[in-house]
Amino acid sequence: MELQFGTMMNKVLQQEWNEYGEQAFEIEVLEILEKKKTGFFDAKEALHKLEEKWLEQLQPYGERGYNREK
């Protein structure tokens, strides 16, 4: 995991991880991408759509998270 190795691209998250430690954070799986069994499946696009869905639903910006609004 990038945070444990100190290589997270989100510098604010990495700084707070280093300062407060792993036990101060909760990481959970929100949804698992289900691949289509038939036909063309663009996993990258499907993951992007899932990310947008959860960003819209959770609004993890500012004090509520480490994401930046677009």
Protein backbone atom coordinates (compact mmCIF):
# COMPACT_ATOMS: atom_id res chain seq x y z
CA MET A 1 0.00 0.00 0.00
CA GLU A 2 1.32 3.40 -1.00
CA LEU A 3 0.63 4.98 2.39
CA GLN A 4 2.64 2.35 4.24
CA PHE A 5 5.60 2.87 1.90
CA GLY A 6 5.31 6.68 2.04
CA THR A 7 4.67 7.00 -1.69
CA MET A 8 1.05 8.25 -1.78
CA MET A 9 0.57 10.92 -4.44
CA ASN A 10 -1.91 12.76 -2.18
CA LYS A 11 0.62 14.62 -0.02
CA VAL A 12 -1.90 15.80 2.60
CA LEU A 13 -3.17 12.26 3.16
CA GLN A 14 0.39 10.93 3.36
CA GLN A 15 1.40 13.63 5.83
CA GLU A 16 -1.55 12.90 8.13
CA TRP A 17 -0.97 9.12 7.81
CA ASN A 18 2.62 9.67 8.91
CA GLU A 19 1.56 12.00 11.74
CA TYR A 20 -1.40 10.07 13.19
CA GLY A 21 -0.56 6.51 12.14
CA GLU A 22 -2.47 3.76 10.40
CA GLN A 23 -4.79 3.16 13.39
CA ALA A 24 -6.30 6.66 12.92
CA PHE A 25 -7.72 5.71 9.51
CA GLU A 26 -10.52 3.44 8.37
CA ILE A 27 -10.39 2.03 4.87
CA GLU A 28 -13.34 0.12 3.50
CA VAL A 29 -14.44 -1.37 0.20
CA LEU A 30 -17.49 0.51 -1.06
CA GLU A 31 -18.28 -1.67 -4.05
CA ILE A 32 -16.66 -4.44 -6.05
CA LEU A 33 -16.54 -4.07 -9.82
CA GLU A 34 -18.45 -6.90 -11.45
CA LYS A 35 -17.11 -7.75 -14.89
CA LYS A 36 -19.59 -8.47 -17.65
CA LYS A 37 -19.62 -12.13 -18.63
CA THR A 38 -20.30 -11.46 -22.30
CA GLY A 39 -19.46 -8.75 -24.79
CA PHE A 40 -16.94 -5.94 -24.59
CA PHE A 41 -16.01 -4.73 -21.11
CA ASP A 42 -13.89 -1.63 -20.49
CA ALA A 43 -12.73 -2.10 -16.89
CA LYS A 44 -11.00 1.29 -16.79
CA GLU A 45 -14.18 3.10 -17.85
CA ALA A 46 -16.31 1.03 -15.46
CA LEU A 47 -13.98 1.88 -12.55
CA HIS A 48 -14.12 5.55 -13.48
CA LYS A 49 -17.92 5.46 -13.38
CA LEU A 50 -17.89 3.75 -9.97
CA GLU A 51 -15.48 6.38 -8.65
CA GLU A 52 -17.70 9.20 -9.91
CA LYS A 53 -20.75 7.54 -8.36
CA TRP A 54 -19.14 7.30 -4.92
CA LEU A 55 -17.64 10.79 -5.07
CA GLU A 56 -21.10 12.16 -5.84
CA GLN A 57 -22.73 10.12 -3.09
CA LEU A 58 -20.18 10.69 -0.31
CA GLN A 59 -18.87 14.16 -1.21
CA PRO A 60 -15.47 13.42 0.41
CA TYR A 61 -14.06 16.94 0.06
CA GLY A 62 -12.49 19.40 2.50
CA GLU A 63 -13.04 18.31 6.09
CA ARG A 64 -14.90 15.20 4.89
CA GLY A 65 -12.04 13.64 2.95
CA TYR A 66 -8.92 13.96 0.88
CA ASN A 67 -10.42 14.44 -2.58
CA ARG A 68 -10.53 17.69 -4.54
CA GLU A 69 -13.70 18.87 -6.24
CA LYS A 70 -13.51 19.14 -10.00
